[in-house]
């Protein structure tokens, strides 16, 4: 999901510009992703406490996938902004749930290594995702790239459901 998340760094603002939005609107829509991540922190922590990290991961990934489908299915910049807020909320919940998993299942003496691996994967996604998103726009178009992000989310939901340890 790191690559898919980072691809939206490029795809969504360019999509807003393609829809006729101004650079300021594209920047606002981009910022909605960060706002969604901030706003979700407390509610996501309650969900993770009550239902566990696995359910939190599945819900967060599903939210990101649904948001990507919503962005792909509209030509309205306001709806793109709202869906980007939801995508950011999914990103925030996904991060918290993964941190909860590490805290619960990784022994103290291995936690630093595990967190470093998680951060490294995020950084790799930040390198590859924008490139893949930009190339994808050129080759496939905006909507197809957004649907690839949604498909990646569906695959991730399946993998987490099958393989993530139970709390």
Foldseek 3Di string as FASTA:
>chain_A
DLLLVLLCLQQQLVLCVVLVHDNVLSVLLSVLLVVLLVVLQVVLVVCCVVPNLLVLQLVLLLQLLVLLLQLLPDSDSVSVSVSSNSNSNSVNSNVVSVLRLLVPPPDPVCSVVVVVVVVVVNVVSNVNNNVCSVVCCVPPNSSVSSNVSSVVSVVVSVCSVPDRDGD
